[in-house]
Amino acid sequence: MSQPSTEHPTLVAADAAPRLLAQIQKVFLGKPEAVRMAIACFVARGHLLIEDVPGVGKTTLARALARSAGGSFRRIQFTSDLLPSDILGVTVYDQDSGEFIFKPGPIFANVVLADEINRATPRTQSALLEAMSEGQVSTEDETRDLPDPFMVVATQNPQEQYGTYPLPESQMDRFLLRIRIGYPDEASEGRIVAGGRRAVDPDRLEPVIRPDELLALADRADDVRVDPSLIQYAMGVVTQTRRSRALALGVSTRGAMAWVQAARAWALLGGRTYCVPDDLKELALPALAHRVLLESHHESLGKIRSESERLIGEILSRVKVPY
């Protein structure tokens, strides 16, 4: 197994992404695009929403990402009776010391899997908002910083509506990207089935980078150049979402910033220090479709997703690409 480099992170950041990609794909087979999206989201300091059917490896992807990056991982199973304190932590009285001690909840990890997030009540869902926006949580009148890097990977099943609570627009806007994994190709699925649990066990992975190297990679993504013509193109698309009669809510300023930041990370993973139009186009649906609200949104989650992606696609076809 490859070991984390002992070099200074600024000197190894250039090859950190390929090492991370190769390591995760050892246990997450047949979906390199999904792996690259997850890494890009992590590098862009964002959060990932995976909307897919059960059993396609959502947990494996999150655990493999944390393990390969040398970070901590916690999983939270969202249920209707989950309380905010179950996520953030509680203060308890310690009889030995005679003091109140804070017991941190599972949110205090580098990668947090919020499994079936739409099964918890809105009050519990809202416990994540400050964490996802600020990298900190406020409990009992005290603010506590979360680990850095920090990423929430949330999952929801688009097929099951019974016993679920739709995510509010404010929370959807906190997710940098929304993706679907889908089933692997037949050959990859055959390898998974033949290998059993060992083939997809993230715990057998060794870290190939350190958390500080990931932060160095994120800093480098911030420096990726975006030509003013590409910013103008992005704003043209965003403006069209706000003018569309089919949309009750267009892309926010936070959404526009997230789209461009995701494109920067995507370009860096492609080995470039500058963005090209394809970076924005490839990230448009994952970065924008979940941020818009249809005029008529009394449909199933799957239909809403398909229609929002279709409308974003139409807008992309109308806005002229700068070069």
Protein backbone atom coordinates (compact mmCIF):
# COMPACT_ATOMS: atom_id res chain seq x y z
CA MET A 1 0.00 0.00 0.00
CA SER A 2 1.11 3.55 -0.71
CA GLN A 3 1.94 5.62 2.31
CA PRO A 4 1.35 9.33 2.85
CA SER A 5 4.24 11.43 1.67
CA THR A 6 6.44 13.08 4.26
CA GLU A 7 7.19 15.99 1.96
CA HIS A 8 5.86 19.45 2.58
CA PRO A 9 2.21 19.52 1.42
CA THR A 10 2.77 22.41 -0.99
CA LEU A 11 5.33 20.27 -2.82
CA VAL A 12 3.14 17.19 -3.18
CA ALA A 13 -0.28 18.76 -3.77
CA ALA A 14 0.06 18.41 -7.55
CA ASP A 15 -0.10 14.59 -7.44
CA ALA A 16 -2.31 14.26 -4.37
CA ALA A 17 -5.54 14.10 -6.37
CA PRO A 18 -4.46 11.23 -8.70
CA ARG A 19 -3.26 9.21 -5.69
CA LEU A 20 -6.54 9.81 -3.92
CA LEU A 21 -8.56 8.85 -6.99
CA ALA A 22 -6.58 5.63 -7.56
CA GLN A 23 -6.83 4.56 -3.91
CA ILE A 24 -10.60 5.03 -3.62
CA GLN A 25 -11.21 3.15 -6.85
CA LYS A 26 -9.65 0.05 -5.30
CA VAL A 27 -12.85 -0.48 -3.32
CA PHE A 28 -15.35 1.65 -5.24
CA LEU A 29 -15.37 -0.10 -8.58
CA GLY A 30 -16.79 0.95 -11.93
CA LYS A 31 -17.72 4.56 -11.11
CA PRO A 32 -14.66 6.80 -11.64
CA GLU A 33 -16.83 9.83 -12.42
CA ALA A 34 -18.64 9.59 -9.07
CA VAL A 35 -15.31 9.26 -7.26
CA ARG A 36 -13.92 12.29 -9.06
CA MET A 37 -17.05 14.29 -8.20
CA ALA A 38 -16.68 13.39 -4.51
CA ILE A 39 -13.00 14.36 -4.48
CA ALA A 40 -13.74 17.63 -6.31
CA CYS A 41 -16.40 18.41 -3.71
CA PHE A 42 -13.94 17.73 -0.87
CA VAL A 43 -11.22 19.82 -2.53
CA ALA A 44 -13.68 22.69 -3.09
CA ARG A 45 -14.53 22.63 0.65
CA GLY A 46 -18.09 21.66 -0.16
CA HIS A 47 -20.68 19.09 0.83
CA LEU A 48 -22.12 16.30 -1.27
CA LEU A 49 -25.71 15.09 -1.64
CA ILE A 50 -26.08 11.61 -3.13
CA GLU A 51 -29.60 10.89 -4.30
CA ASP A 52 -29.87 7.27 -5.30
CA VAL A 53 -31.40 3.88 -4.63
CA PRO A 54 -30.06 1.73 -1.76
CA GLY A 55 -27.12 -0.59 -2.26
CA VAL A 56 -25.00 1.32 -4.79
CA GLY A 57 -22.09 2.08 -2.45
CA LYS A 58 -22.87 5.48 -0.97
CA THR A 59 -21.45 4.55 2.43
CA THR A 60 -18.44 2.85 0.86
CA LEU A 61 -17.60 5.98 -1.12
CA ALA A 62 -17.77 8.24 1.94
CA ARG A 63 -15.72 5.91 4.13
CA ALA A 64 -13.13 5.33 1.41
CA LEU A 65 -12.74 9.08 0.92
CA ALA A 66 -12.14 9.68 4.62
CA ARG A 67 -9.82 6.70 4.96
CA SER A 68 -7.72 7.56 1.90
CA ALA A 69 -7.35 11.19 2.99
CA GLY A 70 -6.18 10.18 6.46
CA GLY A 71 -9.25 11.71 8.11
CA SER A 72 -11.83 10.60 10.64
CA PHE A 73 -15.24 9.26 9.61
CA ARG A 74 -18.59 9.11 11.39
CA ARG A 75 -21.96 7.88 10.17
CA ILE A 76 -25.29 9.24 11.40
CA GLN A 77 -28.44 7.28 10.59
CA PHE A 78 -31.19 9.87 10.30
CA THR A 79 -34.55 8.77 11.72
CA SER A 80 -37.73 10.53 12.76
CA ASP A 81 -36.75 10.42 16.45
CA LEU A 82 -33.19 11.75 15.98
CA LEU A 83 -32.53 14.89 18.04
CA PRO A 84 -30.12 17.77 17.31
CA SER A 85 -28.12 16.79 20.43
CA ASP A 86 -27.61 13.33 18.91
CA ILE A 87 -25.67 15.07 16.13
CA LEU A 88 -23.96 17.96 17.92
CA GLY A 89 -23.23 16.45 21.33
CA VAL A 90 -24.25 17.13 24.92
CA THR A 91 -22.78 18.47 28.16
CA VAL A 92 -22.82 15.99 31.04
CA TYR A 93 -21.82 16.22 34.69
CA ASP A 94 -18.68 14.27 35.58
CA GLN A 95 -18.86 13.05 39.16
CA ASP A 96 -15.11 12.41 39.44
CA SER A 97 -14.06 15.95 38.48
CA GLY A 98 -17.20 17.70 39.68
CA GLU A 99 -17.37 19.58 36.39
CA PHE A 100 -19.61 19.67 33.35
CA ILE A 101 -17.88 18.12 30.34
CA PHE A 102 -18.92 18.41 26.71
CA LYS A 103 -19.25 15.08 24.92
CA PRO A 104 -18.89 15.82 21.19
CA GLY A 105 -21.38 14.22 18.82
CA PRO A 106 -20.65 12.48 15.52
CA ILE A 107 -20.56 15.81 13.66
CA PHE A 108 -16.97 16.22 14.93
CA ALA A 109 -15.27 14.27 12.14
CA ASN A 110 -13.56 15.08 8.84
CA VAL A 111 -16.16 13.19 6.79
CA VAL A 112 -19.68 12.81 8.18
CA LEU A 113 -22.17 10.54 6.42
CA ALA A 114 -25.72 11.78 6.99
CA ASP A 115 -27.57 8.67 5.86
CA GLU A 116 -31.16 9.12 4.66
CA ILE A 117 -31.11 12.74 5.77
CA ASN A 118 -34.70 13.34 4.66
CA ARG A 119 -36.03 10.88 7.27
CA ALA A 120 -35.30 13.31 10.12
CA THR A 121 -37.53 16.19 11.14
CA PRO A 122 -36.76 19.71 9.85
CA ARG A 123 -35.60 20.70 13.36
CA THR A 124 -32.95 17.98 13.33
CA GLN A 125 -31.99 18.68 9.72
CA SER A 126 -31.41 22.31 10.65
CA ALA A 127 -28.75 21.25 13.16
CA LEU A 128 -26.46 20.75 10.19
CA LEU A 129 -26.90 24.22 8.69
CA GLU A 130 -24.32 26.06 10.79
CA ALA A 131 -21.89 23.16 10.54
CA MET A 132 -22.13 23.06 6.74
CA SER A 133 -21.94 26.83 6.32
CA GLU A 134 -19.42 27.88 8.95
CA GLY A 135 -17.46 24.77 9.93
CA GLN A 136 -18.61 25.23 13.52
CA VAL A 137 -21.53 24.39 15.78
CA SER A 138 -23.20 26.30 18.58
CA THR A 139 -24.34 24.29 21.58
CA GLU A 140 -25.43 25.60 24.98
CA ASP A 141 -24.30 29.17 24.22
CA GLU A 142 -20.82 28.06 23.16
CA THR A 143 -19.36 27.86 19.66
CA ARG A 144 -17.07 24.95 18.84
CA ASP A 145 -14.96 24.55 15.73
CA LEU A 146 -15.26 21.41 13.64
CA PRO A 147 -12.25 19.53 12.24
CA ASP A 148 -10.63 20.91 9.11
CA PRO A 149 -11.14 19.60 6.48
CA PHE A 150 -14.83 18.95 7.06
CA MET A 151 -17.35 17.46 4.65
CA VAL A 152 -20.92 16.22 4.94
CA VAL A 153 -21.94 13.44 2.57
CA ALA A 154 -25.73 13.17 2.77
CA THR A 155 -27.88 10.52 1.14
CA GLN A 156 -31.55 10.32 0.32
CA ASN A 157 -33.62 7.79 -1.55
CA PRO A 158 -35.67 9.38 -4.35
CA GLN A 159 -38.05 6.42 -4.55
CA GLU A 160 -39.40 6.35 -1.00
CA GLN A 161 -41.63 9.19 0.16
CA TYR A 162 -43.38 7.62 3.15
CA GLY A 163 -41.95 8.88 6.41
CA THR A 164 -39.69 11.49 4.82
CA TYR A 165 -39.38 15.26 5.16
CA PRO A 166 -38.30 17.20 2.07
CA LEU A 167 -35.09 19.17 2.53
CA PRO A 168 -35.77 22.93 2.66
CA GLU A 169 -34.30 25.16 -0.06
CA SER A 170 -31.89 26.73 2.46
CA GLN A 171 -30.36 23.35 3.21
CA MET A 172 -30.28 22.17 -0.40
CA ASP A 173 -28.31 25.33 -1.18
CA ARG A 174 -25.58 24.23 1.26
CA PHE A 175 -24.70 21.21 -0.86
CA LEU A 176 -22.02 22.01 -3.40
CA LEU A 177 -22.96 19.08 -5.64
CA ARG A 178 -25.80 16.60 -5.98
CA ILE A 179 -24.99 13.38 -7.80
CA ARG A 180 -26.33 9.94 -8.59
CA ILE A 181 -24.04 6.95 -8.49
CA GLY A 182 -26.10 4.39 -10.39
CA TYR A 183 -25.31 0.73 -10.82
CA PRO A 184 -21.81 -0.27 -11.92
CA ASP A 185 -21.17 -1.83 -15.32
CA GLU A 186 -21.59 -5.60 -15.55
CA ALA A 187 -17.86 -6.39 -15.41
CA SER A 188 -17.25 -4.23 -12.34
CA GLU A 189 -20.35 -5.57 -10.61
CA GLY A 190 -19.13 -9.09 -11.28
CA ARG A 191 -15.83 -8.29 -9.57
CA ILE A 192 -17.72 -6.89 -6.59
CA VAL A 193 -19.97 -9.95 -6.29
CA ALA A 194 -17.05 -12.37 -6.71
CA GLY A 195 -14.90 -10.58 -4.15
CA GLY A 196 -17.64 -10.26 -1.55
CA ARG A 197 -17.26 -7.84 1.33
CA ARG A 198 -13.47 -7.81 1.14
CA ALA A 199 -13.59 -6.31 -2.34
CA VAL A 200 -15.44 -3.21 -1.14
CA ASP A 201 -14.08 -2.86 2.40
CA PRO A 202 -12.76 0.71 2.88
CA ASP A 203 -11.02 -0.28 6.12
CA ARG A 204 -8.36 -2.12 4.15
CA LEU A 205 -7.26 1.14 2.52
CA GLU A 206 -4.24 3.03 3.77
CA PRO A 207 -4.10 6.84 3.70
CA VAL A 208 -2.32 8.14 0.62
CA ILE A 209 -2.41 11.80 1.67
CA ARG A 210 -2.67 13.66 4.95
CA PRO A 211 -5.47 16.08 5.89
CA ASP A 212 -3.00 18.99 5.64
CA GLU A 213 -2.16 17.90 2.09
CA LEU A 214 -5.86 17.97 1.25
CA LEU A 215 -6.04 21.50 2.64
CA ALA A 216 -3.05 22.45 0.50
CA LEU A 217 -4.88 21.02 -2.49
CA ALA A 218 -7.93 23.10 -1.59
CA ASP A 219 -5.76 26.22 -1.38
CA ARG A 220 -4.38 25.44 -4.81
CA ALA A 221 -7.93 25.10 -6.17
CA ASP A 222 -8.64 28.63 -4.93
CA ASP A 223 -5.84 29.85 -7.19
CA VAL A 224 -7.15 28.20 -10.37
CA ARG A 225 -7.73 31.00 -12.89
CA VAL A 226 -11.21 31.64 -14.24
CA ASP A 227 -11.25 33.95 -17.25
CA PRO A 228 -13.66 36.91 -17.01
CA SER A 229 -15.47 35.58 -20.09
CA LEU A 230 -16.24 32.37 -18.17
CA ILE A 231 -17.57 34.37 -15.23
CA GLN A 232 -19.78 36.24 -17.68
CA TYR A 233 -20.97 32.91 -19.11
CA ALA A 234 -21.74 31.58 -15.62
CA MET A 235 -23.69 34.71 -14.74
CA GLY A 236 -25.63 34.43 -18.00
CA VAL A 237 -26.78 30.94 -17.03
CA VAL A 238 -27.61 31.99 -13.47
CA THR A 239 -29.59 35.00 -14.70
CA GLN A 240 -31.59 32.81 -17.06
CA THR A 241 -32.62 30.54 -14.16
CA ARG A 242 -34.03 33.60 -12.38
CA ARG A 243 -35.95 34.74 -15.45
CA SER A 244 -37.38 31.34 -16.37
CA ARG A 245 -41.17 31.18 -16.04
CA ALA A 246 -40.91 27.48 -15.24
CA LEU A 247 -38.85 28.19 -12.12
CA ALA A 248 -40.21 29.77 -8.97
CA LEU A 249 -36.70 30.11 -7.56
CA GLY A 250 -33.49 30.52 -9.56
CA VAL A 251 -29.89 29.93 -8.59
CA SER A 252 -28.71 32.03 -5.64
CA THR A 253 -25.47 33.97 -5.37
CA ARG A 254 -24.19 31.18 -3.12
CA GLY A 255 -25.08 28.74 -5.86
CA ALA A 256 -23.22 30.74 -8.51
CA MET A 257 -20.12 30.89 -6.31
CA ALA A 258 -20.37 27.16 -5.60
CA TRP A 259 -20.60 26.35 -9.31
CA VAL A 260 -17.46 28.31 -10.15
CA GLN A 261 -15.58 26.92 -7.14
CA ALA A 262 -16.51 23.37 -8.11
CA ALA A 263 -15.25 24.07 -11.65
CA ARG A 264 -11.93 25.26 -10.19
CA ALA A 265 -11.54 21.98 -8.30
CA TRP A 266 -12.58 20.02 -11.38
CA ALA A 267 -9.93 21.79 -13.46
CA LEU A 268 -7.28 21.08 -10.81
CA LEU A 269 -8.18 17.39 -10.81
CA GLY A 270 -7.68 17.53 -14.58
CA GLY A 271 -4.15 18.80 -14.06
CA ARG A 272 -4.82 22.41 -15.08
CA THR A 273 -4.31 25.74 -13.33
CA TYR A 274 -7.08 27.38 -15.35
CA CYS A 275 -10.73 26.66 -16.13
CA VAL A 276 -12.13 25.92 -19.56
CA PRO A 277 -15.82 26.05 -20.59
CA ASP A 278 -16.18 22.28 -20.25
CA ASP A 279 -15.37 22.50 -16.53
CA LEU A 280 -18.43 24.67 -15.98
CA LYS A 281 -20.62 22.67 -18.35
CA GLU A 282 -19.74 19.31 -16.78
CA LEU A 283 -20.48 20.63 -13.27
CA ALA A 284 -23.63 22.58 -14.22
CA LEU A 285 -26.23 19.94 -13.46
CA PRO A 286 -24.61 18.59 -10.26
CA ALA A 287 -24.03 22.14 -8.97
CA LEU A 288 -27.22 23.92 -10.07
CA ALA A 289 -30.18 21.58 -10.58
CA HIS A 290 -30.85 21.06 -6.86
CA ARG A 291 -30.77 24.82 -6.20
CA VAL A 292 -33.77 25.73 -8.34
CA LEU A 293 -37.44 25.36 -7.43
CA LEU A 294 -40.07 24.48 -10.00
CA GLU A 295 -43.24 26.58 -10.28
CA SER A 296 -45.24 23.38 -9.90
CA HIS A 297 -43.37 21.27 -7.36
CA HIS A 298 -46.11 18.92 -6.13
CA GLU A 299 -44.52 15.91 -7.80
CA SER A 300 -42.37 13.03 -6.64
CA LEU A 301 -38.74 13.72 -5.80
CA GLY A 302 -37.55 11.83 -8.87
CA LYS A 303 -39.78 13.82 -11.25
CA ILE A 304 -38.73 17.11 -9.69
CA ARG A 305 -35.08 16.21 -10.17
CA SER A 306 -35.55 15.18 -13.81
CA GLU A 307 -37.50 18.32 -14.66
CA SER A 308 -35.02 20.67 -12.95
CA GLU A 309 -32.13 19.03 -14.79
CA ARG A 310 -34.00 19.34 -18.09
CA LEU A 311 -34.61 23.06 -17.52
CA ILE A 312 -30.98 23.71 -16.59
CA GLY A 313 -29.94 21.80 -19.71
CA GLU A 314 -32.18 23.98 -21.87
CA ILE A 315 -30.71 27.14 -20.36
CA LEU A 316 -27.17 25.87 -20.98
CA SER A 317 -28.02 25.31 -24.64
CA ARG A 318 -29.25 28.90 -24.99
CA VAL A 319 -26.34 30.71 -23.33
CA LYS A 320 -23.40 31.22 -25.66
CA VAL A 321 -20.14 29.57 -24.61
CA PRO A 322 -17.33 32.18 -24.65
CA TYR A 323 -14.83 30.05 -26.61
